[in-house]
């Protein structure tokens, strides 16, 4: 069963990470194969919760783009460099392919043999040399071992075509000669006495015992085949090691981790039919026939705490979205096939996951309960946010009991852990919890940071505005804002990109605004921030 990744949004907050972990645990308990991943850096608050409940952080998922490993290429299709040319031809014939990778040693990629290369064997003038193994000759010639002195055979091919006396008078046999001969005993006697490398007996020819004894004494290899001399002459060259056919050029190969889009771009230039597939150590994994790209198995993903394409993982268009679980407004994500989409008006995606545990009657372990509790506390500000519902309250009470903590005391410590800006750059503060939105072809971004001491940020307000302006300009956003939410005062300080000042002024119905002005009761991005900005941009 192929693994499905459960992922939150690009700037993972505690709800996003914990709902992914909790949902993945539940899915696996129900017999599925899933893994929670993150697609951005985990913030201080989330790290605190993971450490508190002794749970490792999910691994990072860079993208879900199609890779060659997701394609049904011809995995395991290659041949040893010591196999025969005939082996290679048969393998291509069996798989209906026009190329085959050659490997040496422990399957390291060595070269590529194609049908074009094979065709040269049949028309090449230089076909008298043989360099192969005894076993290859037995296979290609369907032969029988009469006398083996060497496992490897190398020499020059000769055919005893002349009359016996003419042959013996005109041909001087050498130690590296490989003689093809029938039941012509005088020539066989001449050959074994000359100590040739090998005698290939055609038509299952008989060799006399005395000649065989001389052959053993002079270390002459002897092979018998049912083929006639003409067929042997045509086939024997195909017994050569396949590495003798490998061209010296370095053929284009691809890593199994290469993106399909990159492979397509390269193929559009090269126009080849076959490409070897290797790993990072140059070990051959198989052959890609370019038409194999149609047989793909996209990565599977379950999205939690978002349904906006801009907030999701790179390459989402090339993946298969299996399910979506969210508590935000409907976004821009579309799917090719119907999917399970659970969207509830609750304060946290972790609440949805908690409800699913109850619906499926699956016991919630202590650490999972603690993580889900953390997500709800974070998103609802310990149930003080207007987004908190009765379902959130019920979940918090039950989860805190399972986790063995007082949710108020733990919640304050959790929120405090994420409010310090010590060691953080202006960009770190903005991107700590950052989301991008689209309405009517207009784009805007909202960062939210919780703190109990805005004065540390006020001291460097101009520098924060400069960062927002740069982000807005670089991405052509209509507005970039940073809401610094004070948990104690129950409101937010608003910092905005300069060109978006008019949008903020209209959104909060204030003629006179300034960087860092305070909006009382503004704590929820979902209820207090996104709707008012969207209304202005929409109208």
Protein backbone atom coordinates (compact mmCIF):
# COMPACT_ATOMS: atom_id res chain seq x y z
CA UNK A 1 0.00 0.00 0.00
CA UNK A 2 1.49 3.32 -1.09
CA UNK A 3 2.07 5.80 1.72
CA UNK A 4 -0.13 8.90 1.97
CA UNK A 5 1.39 12.09 3.40
CA UNK A 6 -0.70 14.09 5.85
CA UNK A 7 0.38 17.73 5.65
CA UNK A 8 -0.58 21.14 6.95
CA UNK A 9 0.23 24.50 5.39
CA UNK A 10 3.55 26.11 4.47
CA UNK A 11 3.94 28.11 7.66
CA UNK A 12 2.94 25.41 10.11
CA UNK A 13 1.31 26.58 13.32
CA UNK A 14 0.56 24.28 16.24
CA UNK A 15 -2.93 23.35 14.99
CA UNK A 16 -1.55 22.46 11.55
CA UNK A 17 1.22 20.20 12.87
CA UNK A 18 -0.77 18.52 15.63
CA UNK A 19 -3.82 17.81 13.46
CA UNK A 20 -1.50 16.16 10.91
CA UNK A 21 0.10 13.97 13.60
CA UNK A 22 -3.24 13.09 15.19
CA UNK A 23 -4.99 12.32 11.91
CA UNK A 24 -2.10 10.18 10.69
CA UNK A 25 -2.17 8.17 13.93
CA UNK A 26 -5.92 7.63 13.56
CA UNK A 27 -5.67 6.64 9.89
CA UNK A 28 -2.93 4.12 10.64
CA UNK A 29 -5.00 2.61 13.45
CA UNK A 30 -7.77 2.14 10.91
CA UNK A 31 -5.44 0.19 8.61
CA UNK A 32 -4.20 2.89 6.28
CA UNK A 33 -0.57 3.76 5.52
CA UNK A 34 0.03 7.42 6.27
CA UNK A 35 2.78 9.65 7.59
CA UNK A 36 2.52 13.15 9.02
CA UNK A 37 4.93 15.63 7.43
CA UNK A 38 5.59 19.37 7.67
CA UNK A 39 6.32 21.66 4.73
CA UNK A 40 7.87 24.49 6.73
CA UNK A 41 9.90 25.22 9.85
CA UNK A 42 8.25 24.31 13.15
CA UNK A 43 7.80 27.31 15.44
CA UNK A 44 8.76 27.65 19.11
CA UNK A 45 5.27 27.03 20.41
CA UNK A 46 4.85 23.80 18.47
CA UNK A 47 8.32 22.63 19.50
CA UNK A 48 7.40 23.25 23.13
CA UNK A 49 4.29 21.07 22.83
CA UNK A 50 6.10 18.26 21.01
CA UNK A 51 8.81 18.21 23.67
CA UNK A 52 6.28 18.42 26.53
CA UNK A 53 4.41 15.37 25.24
CA UNK A 54 7.57 13.53 24.22
CA UNK A 55 6.71 13.24 20.53
CA UNK A 56 9.23 13.55 17.68
CA UNK A 57 8.64 16.30 15.14
CA UNK A 58 7.37 15.18 11.72
CA UNK A 59 9.92 15.03 8.92
CA UNK A 60 10.12 17.80 6.34
CA UNK A 61 8.44 17.26 2.97
CA UNK A 62 9.98 19.44 0.27
CA UNK A 63 7.48 18.74 -2.50
CA UNK A 64 5.09 16.20 -3.98
CA UNK A 65 6.12 16.63 -7.59
CA UNK A 66 6.11 13.59 -9.84
CA UNK A 67 9.47 11.81 -9.86
CA UNK A 68 10.68 8.90 -11.94
CA UNK A 69 10.17 6.68 -8.89
CA UNK A 70 6.44 7.38 -9.34
CA UNK A 71 6.53 6.10 -12.94
CA UNK A 72 6.12 2.50 -14.09
CA UNK A 73 9.47 2.43 -15.87
CA UNK A 74 11.13 -0.95 -16.47
CA UNK A 75 12.53 -1.47 -13.00
CA UNK A 76 15.31 -4.05 -12.72
CA UNK A 77 15.76 -4.18 -16.50
CA UNK A 78 19.49 -4.31 -17.22
CA UNK A 79 22.13 -6.86 -18.16
CA UNK A 80 25.65 -7.70 -16.94
CA UNK A 81 28.57 -6.55 -19.07
CA UNK A 82 29.80 -10.16 -19.09
CA UNK A 83 26.58 -11.50 -20.58
CA UNK A 84 26.50 -12.10 -24.31
CA UNK A 85 25.24 -9.76 -26.99
CA UNK A 86 22.65 -12.43 -27.71
CA UNK A 87 21.45 -12.23 -24.09
CA UNK A 88 20.89 -8.50 -24.58
CA UNK A 89 19.02 -9.02 -27.81
CA UNK A 90 16.74 -11.63 -26.27
CA UNK A 91 16.04 -9.44 -23.24
CA UNK A 92 15.02 -6.51 -25.49
CA UNK A 93 12.91 -8.84 -27.61
CA UNK A 94 11.12 -10.28 -24.57
CA UNK A 95 10.27 -6.80 -23.22
CA UNK A 96 9.58 -5.27 -26.64
CA UNK A 97 12.23 -2.60 -26.03
CA UNK A 98 14.89 -1.05 -28.24
CA UNK A 99 17.56 -0.53 -25.60
CA UNK A 100 19.02 -2.11 -22.49
CA UNK A 101 21.37 -0.70 -19.82
CA UNK A 102 24.64 -2.53 -19.21
CA UNK A 103 25.99 -2.89 -15.67
CA UNK A 104 29.29 -4.03 -14.22
CA UNK A 105 30.50 -5.08 -10.78
CA UNK A 106 27.61 -4.60 -8.31
CA UNK A 107 25.09 -3.33 -10.89
CA UNK A 108 26.91 -0.04 -11.56
CA UNK A 109 25.76 1.58 -14.77
CA UNK A 110 28.29 1.02 -17.54
CA UNK A 111 26.59 1.85 -20.81
CA UNK A 112 23.56 1.47 -23.03
CA UNK A 113 23.04 -1.05 -25.82
CA UNK A 114 20.46 -0.28 -28.49
CA UNK A 115 19.00 -2.06 -31.47
CA UNK A 116 21.04 0.28 -33.66
CA UNK A 117 24.20 -0.98 -31.99
CA UNK A 118 23.15 -4.57 -32.64
CA UNK A 119 22.52 -3.90 -36.30
CA UNK A 120 26.15 -2.90 -36.70
CA UNK A 121 27.22 -6.41 -35.63
CA UNK A 122 25.57 -7.91 -38.69
CA UNK A 123 27.21 -5.55 -41.19
CA UNK A 124 30.57 -4.93 -39.55
CA UNK A 125 33.58 -6.27 -41.45
CA UNK A 126 35.53 -6.96 -38.27
CA UNK A 127 33.67 -10.02 -36.97
CA UNK A 128 36.55 -12.46 -36.72
CA UNK A 129 37.50 -11.61 -33.13
CA UNK A 130 35.90 -13.32 -30.17
CA UNK A 131 36.09 -12.19 -26.57
CA UNK A 132 33.65 -13.93 -24.28
CA UNK A 133 33.15 -16.73 -21.76
CA UNK A 134 32.85 -20.45 -22.33
CA UNK A 135 29.35 -20.29 -20.79
CA UNK A 136 28.23 -17.59 -23.25
CA UNK A 137 29.33 -19.79 -26.14
CA UNK A 138 27.42 -22.75 -24.73
CA UNK A 139 24.28 -20.58 -24.42
CA UNK A 140 24.41 -18.92 -27.84
CA UNK A 141 25.39 -22.06 -29.77
CA UNK A 142 23.22 -24.38 -27.66
CA UNK A 143 26.45 -26.26 -27.19
CA UNK A 144 27.87 -29.11 -25.18
CA UNK A 145 31.07 -28.84 -23.17
CA UNK A 146 33.62 -31.42 -24.40
CA UNK A 147 36.75 -30.04 -22.77
CA UNK A 148 37.05 -26.84 -20.73
CA UNK A 149 40.46 -25.40 -19.94
CA UNK A 150 39.49 -21.72 -19.69
CA UNK A 151 36.39 -19.94 -18.43
CA UNK A 152 37.19 -16.97 -20.65
CA UNK A 153 37.78 -17.35 -24.38
CA UNK A 154 39.62 -14.76 -26.43
CA UNK A 155 40.99 -15.18 -29.92
CA UNK A 156 40.54 -15.03 -33.69
CA UNK A 157 37.83 -17.02 -35.44
CA UNK A 158 38.74 -19.39 -38.29
CA UNK A 159 36.54 -21.68 -40.39
CA UNK A 160 37.99 -24.87 -41.84
CA UNK A 161 36.43 -24.35 -45.26
CA UNK A 162 39.30 -25.58 -47.46
CA UNK A 163 40.10 -29.17 -48.36
CA UNK A 164 41.97 -30.76 -45.45
CA UNK A 165 45.35 -30.91 -47.20
CA UNK A 166 44.99 -27.36 -48.51
CA UNK A 167 44.03 -26.08 -45.06
CA UNK A 168 46.95 -27.74 -43.29
CA UNK A 169 49.43 -26.63 -45.95
CA UNK A 170 48.28 -23.00 -46.17
CA UNK A 171 47.02 -22.13 -42.67
CA UNK A 172 49.40 -21.84 -39.73
CA UNK A 173 47.34 -22.25 -36.56
CA UNK A 174 48.21 -20.07 -33.55
CA UNK A 175 47.62 -20.33 -29.83
CA UNK A 176 44.79 -17.78 -29.89
CA UNK A 177 42.89 -19.26 -32.85
CA UNK A 178 39.29 -20.43 -32.42
CA UNK A 179 38.58 -23.03 -35.09
CA UNK A 180 35.13 -23.93 -36.41
CA UNK A 181 35.29 -27.41 -37.94
CA UNK A 182 33.09 -30.45 -38.64
CA UNK A 183 34.04 -34.14 -38.52
CA UNK A 184 37.31 -33.58 -40.36
CA UNK A 185 39.62 -35.54 -38.13
CA UNK A 186 42.88 -34.65 -39.85
CA UNK A 187 42.19 -30.93 -39.29
CA UNK A 188 41.09 -31.61 -35.70
CA UNK A 189 44.35 -33.51 -35.14
CA UNK A 190 46.31 -30.61 -36.65
CA UNK A 191 44.47 -28.13 -34.38
CA UNK A 192 44.95 -29.98 -31.09
CA UNK A 193 48.61 -30.56 -31.88
CA UNK A 194 48.96 -26.83 -32.61
CA UNK A 195 47.45 -25.99 -29.22
CA UNK A 196 44.74 -23.63 -30.48
CA UNK A 197 42.57 -21.75 -27.99
CA UNK A 198 39.34 -23.54 -28.89
CA UNK A 199 37.74 -25.94 -31.32
CA UNK A 200 34.01 -25.54 -32.07
CA UNK A 201 32.68 -28.80 -33.50
CA UNK A 202 29.79 -28.19 -35.90
CA UNK A 203 26.88 -30.58 -36.54
CA UNK A 204 27.58 -32.45 -33.29
CA UNK A 205 30.77 -33.78 -34.85
CA UNK A 206 32.61 -36.64 -33.16
CA UNK A 207 36.13 -36.23 -31.81
CA UNK A 208 38.41 -39.23 -31.47
CA UNK A 209 39.62 -40.21 -28.01
CA UNK A 210 43.26 -39.83 -28.97
CA UNK A 211 42.61 -36.30 -30.25
CA UNK A 212 40.77 -35.45 -27.05
CA UNK A 213 43.74 -36.62 -25.00
CA UNK A 214 46.07 -34.37 -27.01
CA UNK A 215 43.62 -31.48 -26.55
CA UNK A 216 43.70 -31.90 -22.78
CA UNK A 217 47.47 -32.10 -22.79
CA UNK A 218 47.77 -28.91 -24.89
CA UNK A 219 44.94 -27.15 -23.00
CA UNK A 220 42.63 -26.84 -25.99
CA UNK A 221 39.00 -25.95 -25.20
CA UNK A 222 36.43 -27.98 -27.13
CA UNK A 223 32.73 -27.25 -27.60
CA UNK A 224 30.22 -29.27 -29.65
CA UNK A 225 27.09 -27.68 -31.18
CA UNK A 226 24.25 -29.01 -33.34
CA UNK A 227 24.50 -25.94 -35.60
CA UNK A 228 26.11 -26.17 -39.03
CA UNK A 229 29.18 -24.15 -39.91
CA UNK A 230 27.20 -21.40 -41.67
CA UNK A 231 24.93 -20.82 -38.68
CA UNK A 232 27.82 -20.92 -36.25
CA UNK A 233 29.62 -18.29 -38.30
CA UNK A 234 26.62 -16.01 -38.08
CA UNK A 235 25.80 -16.63 -34.41
CA UNK A 236 29.17 -16.97 -32.74
CA UNK A 237 29.87 -13.22 -32.83
CA UNK A 238 26.71 -12.73 -30.74
CA UNK A 239 28.42 -14.70 -27.98
CA UNK A 240 30.85 -11.83 -27.42
CA UNK A 241 30.69 -10.01 -24.11
CA UNK A 242 28.04 -7.33 -24.39
CA UNK A 243 30.52 -4.79 -23.08
CA UNK A 244 32.37 -5.06 -26.42
CA UNK A 245 29.34 -3.35 -27.93
CA UNK A 246 29.06 -0.43 -25.52
CA UNK A 247 29.79 2.88 -27.18
CA UNK A 248 32.39 5.15 -25.66
CA UNK A 249 29.99 8.10 -25.41
CA UNK A 250 28.28 8.75 -22.07
CA UNK A 251 24.53 8.27 -22.64
CA UNK A 252 22.06 10.50 -20.81
CA UNK A 253 20.72 8.84 -17.70
CA UNK A 254 18.31 10.00 -15.01
CA UNK A 255 18.13 9.62 -11.28
CA UNK A 256 15.03 7.95 -9.90
CA UNK A 257 14.54 11.13 -7.84
CA UNK A 258 14.53 13.40 -10.92
CA UNK A 259 11.31 15.27 -11.57
CA UNK A 260 9.24 14.08 -14.51
CA UNK A 261 8.88 17.67 -15.71
CA UNK A 262 12.68 17.94 -15.99
CA UNK A 263 12.87 14.61 -17.85
CA UNK A 264 10.27 15.84 -20.34
CA UNK A 265 12.20 19.08 -20.93
CA UNK A 266 15.45 17.20 -21.60
CA UNK A 267 13.76 14.66 -23.85
CA UNK A 268 12.19 17.44 -25.90
CA UNK A 269 15.74 18.44 -26.83
CA UNK A 270 17.37 15.00 -27.19
CA UNK A 271 14.45 13.07 -28.72
CA UNK A 272 15.78 9.71 -27.49
CA UNK A 273 13.60 6.68 -26.90
CA UNK A 274 15.36 5.06 -23.93
CA UNK A 275 17.11 6.40 -20.85
CA UNK A 276 18.85 4.40 -18.09
CA UNK A 277 17.61 5.15 -14.57
CA UNK A 278 20.22 5.16 -11.79
CA UNK A 279 20.51 6.11 -8.14
CA UNK A 280 22.86 8.73 -6.67
CA UNK A 281 25.67 6.12 -6.50
CA UNK A 282 25.28 5.35 -10.23
CA UNK A 283 23.75 1.97 -9.50
CA UNK A 284 21.43 1.04 -12.34
CA UNK A 285 17.76 0.67 -11.43
CA UNK A 286 16.28 0.00 -14.84
CA UNK A 287 15.27 1.57 -18.15
CA UNK A 288 12.85 4.39 -18.91
CA UNK A 289 11.11 4.14 -22.24
CA UNK A 290 9.83 7.64 -22.87
CA UNK A 291 6.28 6.36 -23.34
CA UNK A 292 6.44 4.97 -19.79
CA UNK A 293 5.82 8.50 -18.52
CA UNK A 294 2.11 7.98 -19.17
CA UNK A 295 2.01 5.24 -16.50
CA UNK A 296 2.29 7.35 -13.37
CA UNK A 297 1.38 6.91 -9.72
CA UNK A 298 1.19 10.40 -8.16
CA UNK A 299 2.06 10.92 -4.52
CA UNK A 300 -1.00 10.86 -2.29
CA UNK A 301 -1.68 13.66 0.19
CA UNK A 302 -4.24 14.51 2.84
CA UNK A 303 -4.46 18.23 3.54
CA UNK A 304 -5.21 19.52 7.03
CA UNK A 305 -5.84 23.06 8.28
CA UNK A 306 -5.85 24.59 4.77
CA UNK A 307 -7.45 24.33 1.37
CA UNK A 308 -5.59 27.12 -0.43
CA UNK A 309 -3.14 26.12 -3.16
CA UNK A 310 -0.72 28.95 -2.31
CA UNK A 311 -0.54 27.70 1.28
CA UNK A 312 0.14 24.11 0.31
CA UNK A 313 3.09 21.98 -0.72
CA UNK A 314 5.11 22.50 -3.89
CA UNK A 315 3.92 20.32 -6.77
CA UNK A 316 0.38 19.84 -5.44
CA UNK A 317 -0.97 19.90 -9.02
CA UNK A 318 1.05 16.73 -9.73
CA UNK A 319 -0.17 14.89 -6.62
CA UNK A 320 -3.40 13.11 -5.78
CA UNK A 321 -5.36 14.85 -3.05
CA UNK A 322 -7.14 12.10 -1.15
CA UNK A 323 -8.91 14.08 1.59
CA UNK A 324 -9.11 17.57 3.09
CA UNK A 325 -9.86 18.43 6.72
CA UNK A 326 -10.15 22.13 7.52
CA UNK A 327 -11.94 24.78 9.56
CA UNK A 328 -11.30 27.77 7.28
CA UNK A 329 -13.24 29.34 4.44
CA UNK A 330 -13.22 27.52 1.10
CA UNK A 331 -10.08 28.25 -0.89
CA UNK A 332 -8.70 27.76 -4.38
CA UNK A 333 -7.78 24.07 -4.40
CA UNK A 334 -9.43 21.96 -7.09
CA UNK A 335 -9.19 18.19 -7.63
CA UNK A 336 -9.47 15.91 -10.65
CA UNK A 337 -11.62 13.41 -8.77
CA UNK A 338 -14.16 13.66 -5.94
CA UNK A 339 -12.50 13.64 -2.51
CA UNK A 340 -13.64 13.48 1.09
CA UNK A 341 -13.73 17.10 2.25
CA UNK A 342 -14.62 17.73 5.87
CA UNK A 343 -14.95 21.41 6.69
CA UNK A 344 -16.39 22.34 10.08
CA UNK A 345 -17.06 25.66 11.75
CA UNK A 346 -14.90 25.02 14.79
CA UNK A 347 -11.94 26.80 16.30
CA UNK A 348 -9.31 24.24 15.36
CA UNK A 349 -8.65 21.41 12.92
CA UNK A 350 -7.53 19.39 15.94
CA UNK A 351 -11.14 19.51 17.15
CA UNK A 352 -12.23 17.84 13.90
CA UNK A 353 -9.61 15.12 14.42
CA UNK A 354 -10.78 14.64 18.02
CA UNK A 355 -14.37 14.20 16.78
CA UNK A 356 -13.19 11.62 14.25
CA UNK A 357 -11.50 9.60 17.02
CA UNK A 358 -14.83 9.55 18.85
CA UNK A 359 -16.82 8.67 15.73
CA UNK A 360 -14.59 5.69 14.99
CA UNK A 361 -14.33 4.65 18.63
CA UNK A 362 -10.51 4.70 18.61
CA UNK A 363 -8.75 5.27 21.93
CA UNK A 364 -6.64 8.43 22.07
CA UNK A 365 -3.16 7.89 23.60
CA UNK A 366 -1.91 10.39 26.17
CA UNK A 367 0.64 12.06 23.90
CA UNK A 368 -1.79 12.36 20.97
CA UNK A 369 -4.38 13.83 23.33
CA UNK A 370 -1.81 16.37 24.50
CA UNK A 371 -0.89 17.33 20.95
CA UNK A 372 -4.52 17.76 19.85
CA UNK A 373 -5.16 19.79 23.01
CA UNK A 374 -2.20 22.02 22.15
CA UNK A 375 -3.57 22.69 18.67
CA UNK A 376 -6.98 23.72 19.99
CA UNK A 377 -5.51 25.88 22.76
CA UNK A 378 -3.24 27.61 20.27
CA UNK A 379 -5.94 28.38 17.70
CA UNK A 380 -8.59 29.42 20.24
CA UNK A 381 -6.26 31.21 22.67
CA UNK A 382 -7.27 28.90 25.52
CA UNK A 383 -10.92 29.08 24.36
CA UNK A 384 -10.99 32.89 24.62
CA UNK A 385 -11.17 33.46 20.88
CA UNK A 386 -14.63 34.08 19.35
CA UNK A 387 -13.90 31.15 17.03
CA UNK A 388 -14.15 28.73 19.96
CA UNK A 389 -17.30 26.61 19.84
CA UNK A 390 -19.01 24.20 22.18
CA UNK A 391 -17.30 21.38 20.29
CA UNK A 392 -13.90 22.96 21.02
CA UNK A 393 -14.77 23.33 24.71
CA UNK A 394 -15.85 19.70 24.95
CA UNK A 395 -12.68 18.54 23.16
CA UNK A 396 -10.39 20.60 25.40
CA UNK A 397 -11.95 19.26 28.59
CA UNK A 398 -11.77 15.63 27.49
CA UNK A 399 -8.31 15.87 25.94
CA UNK A 400 -6.80 17.64 28.97
CA UNK A 401 -8.12 14.83 31.18
CA UNK A 402 -6.52 12.17 28.96
CA UNK A 403 -3.29 14.16 28.71
CA UNK A 404 -3.19 14.71 32.47
CA UNK A 405 -2.81 18.51 32.42
CA UNK A 406 -4.77 21.55 33.51
CA UNK A 407 -5.57 23.18 30.19
CA UNK A 408 -5.46 26.74 31.60
CA UNK A 409 -2.07 26.36 33.26
CA UNK A 410 -0.60 24.37 30.37
CA UNK A 411 -2.19 26.72 27.84
CA UNK A 412 -0.54 29.80 29.33
CA UNK A 413 2.86 28.12 29.29
CA UNK A 414 2.29 26.96 25.72
CA UNK A 415 1.35 30.41 24.46
CA UNK A 416 4.20 32.06 26.37
CA UNK A 417 6.69 29.70 24.70
CA UNK A 418 5.88 31.19 21.31
CA UNK A 419 5.77 34.88 22.24
CA UNK A 420 9.46 35.66 22.62
CA UNK A 421 11.17 37.34 19.67
CA UNK A 422 14.64 36.77 21.08
CA UNK A 423 16.95 35.54 18.34
CA UNK A 424 14.33 36.09 15.62
CA UNK A 425 14.74 38.30 12.57
CA UNK A 426 11.95 40.56 11.29
CA UNK A 427 11.30 37.97 8.60
CA UNK A 428 11.10 35.21 11.22
CA UNK A 429 8.39 37.13 13.09
CA UNK A 430 6.39 37.76 9.90
CA UNK A 431 6.67 34.21 8.63
CA UNK A 432 6.10 32.58 12.04
CA UNK A 433 2.42 32.13 11.14
CA UNK A 434 1.96 33.46 7.62
CA UNK A 435 -0.74 32.78 5.03
CA UNK A 436 -1.46 33.99 1.51
CA UNK A 437 -4.96 34.64 0.16
CA UNK A 438 -6.49 35.37 -3.22
CA UNK A 439 -9.74 37.18 -4.09
CA UNK A 440 -10.71 38.44 -7.54
CA UNK A 441 -7.14 38.03 -8.85
CA UNK A 442 -5.87 40.12 -5.94
CA UNK A 443 -3.35 38.63 -3.54
CA UNK A 444 -2.67 39.54 0.06
CA UNK A 445 -0.68 37.97 2.90
CA UNK A 446 -1.24 37.96 6.63
CA UNK A 447 1.30 37.16 9.31
CA UNK A 448 0.21 36.80 12.92
CA UNK A 449 2.46 36.76 15.94
CA UNK A 450 1.38 36.38 19.56
CA UNK A 451 3.22 38.34 22.20
CA UNK A 452 2.78 39.73 25.68
CA UNK A 453 5.14 42.63 25.09
CA UNK A 454 4.58 44.66 21.92
CA UNK A 455 7.13 47.26 23.01
CA UNK A 456 10.01 45.09 21.76
CA UNK A 457 8.49 45.26 18.29
CA UNK A 458 7.45 48.94 18.50
CA UNK A 459 11.09 49.93 18.99
CA UNK A 460 11.90 48.63 15.49
CA UNK A 461 8.58 49.40 13.79
CA UNK A 462 10.12 51.13 10.77
CA UNK A 463 12.25 48.07 10.04
CA UNK A 464 9.19 45.81 10.18
CA UNK A 465 7.37 48.07 7.69
CA UNK A 466 10.39 47.92 5.40
CA UNK A 467 10.24 44.11 5.43
CA UNK A 468 6.50 44.13 4.62
CA UNK A 469 7.07 46.56 1.75
CA UNK A 470 9.79 44.36 0.28
CA UNK A 471 7.61 41.24 0.45
CA UNK A 472 4.67 43.07 -1.13
CA UNK A 473 6.82 44.49 -3.93
CA UNK A 474 8.63 41.22 -4.67
CA UNK A 475 5.40 39.23 -4.96
CA UNK A 476 3.12 41.92 -6.36
CA UNK A 477 0.79 41.60 -3.37
CA UNK A 478 -1.88 44.23 -2.80
CA UNK A 479 -1.26 44.05 0.92
CA UNK A 480 1.05 42.40 3.43
CA UNK A 481 0.18 42.75 7.11
CA UNK A 482 1.58 41.61 10.43
CA UNK A 483 -0.92 41.33 13.26
CA UNK A 484 0.84 41.28 16.61
CA UNK A 485 -1.77 39.80 18.93
CA UNK A 486 -1.57 40.56 22.65
CA UNK A 487 -3.14 37.69 24.55
CA UNK A 488 -3.56 39.68 27.77
CA UNK A 489 -5.06 42.81 26.17
CA UNK A 490 -7.24 40.68 23.85
CA UNK A 491 -6.43 42.61 20.70
CA UNK A 492 -3.89 43.10 17.94
CA UNK A 493 -1.42 45.74 16.82
CA UNK A 494 -1.57 46.14 13.03
CA UNK A 495 1.55 46.66 10.93
CA UNK A 496 0.96 46.93 7.17
CA UNK A 497 2.79 47.47 3.89
CA UNK A 498 2.81 51.14 2.91
CA UNK A 499 0.87 50.78 -0.37
CA UNK A 500 -1.85 48.84 1.42
CA UNK A 501 -2.65 51.60 3.92
CA UNK A 502 -5.91 52.50 2.16
CA UNK A 503 -7.14 48.89 2.35
CA UNK A 504 -6.48 48.79 6.11
CA UNK A 505 -8.14 52.18 6.59
CA UNK A 506 -11.30 51.03 4.81
CA UNK A 507 -11.27 47.64 6.52
CA UNK A 508 -11.35 49.18 10.01
CA UNK A 509 -13.35 52.30 9.07
CA UNK A 510 -10.65 54.65 10.29
CA UNK A 511 -9.55 57.78 8.47
CA UNK A 512 -6.48 58.22 10.61
CA UNK A 513 -4.38 55.09 10.90
CA UNK A 514 -0.73 54.59 11.73
CA UNK A 515 1.70 51.71 11.82
CA UNK A 516 1.16 49.61 14.93
CA UNK A 517 -2.33 50.91 15.79
CA UNK A 518 -4.32 48.69 18.17
CA UNK A 519 -7.59 46.95 17.28
CA UNK A 520 -9.41 45.82 20.40
CA UNK A 521 -10.99 42.37 20.28
CA UNK A 522 -9.08 41.46 17.10
CA UNK A 523 -7.52 38.09 17.89
CA UNK A 524 -8.80 35.67 15.26
CA UNK A 525 -7.37 35.75 11.77
CA UNK A 526 -10.31 33.69 10.53
CA UNK A 527 -13.07 35.89 12.01
CA UNK A 528 -11.55 39.30 12.66
CA UNK A 529 -8.89 39.75 9.97
CA UNK A 530 -9.42 37.81 6.74
CA UNK A 531 -13.15 38.63 6.29
CA UNK A 532 -12.75 42.41 6.67
CA UNK A 533 -9.85 42.57 4.22
CA UNK A 534 -11.55 40.28 1.72
CA UNK A 535 -14.66 42.45 1.81
CA UNK A 536 -12.66 45.52 0.78
CA UNK A 537 -10.74 43.73 -1.99
CA UNK A 538 -13.88 42.05 -3.28
CA UNK A 539 -15.81 45.30 -3.57
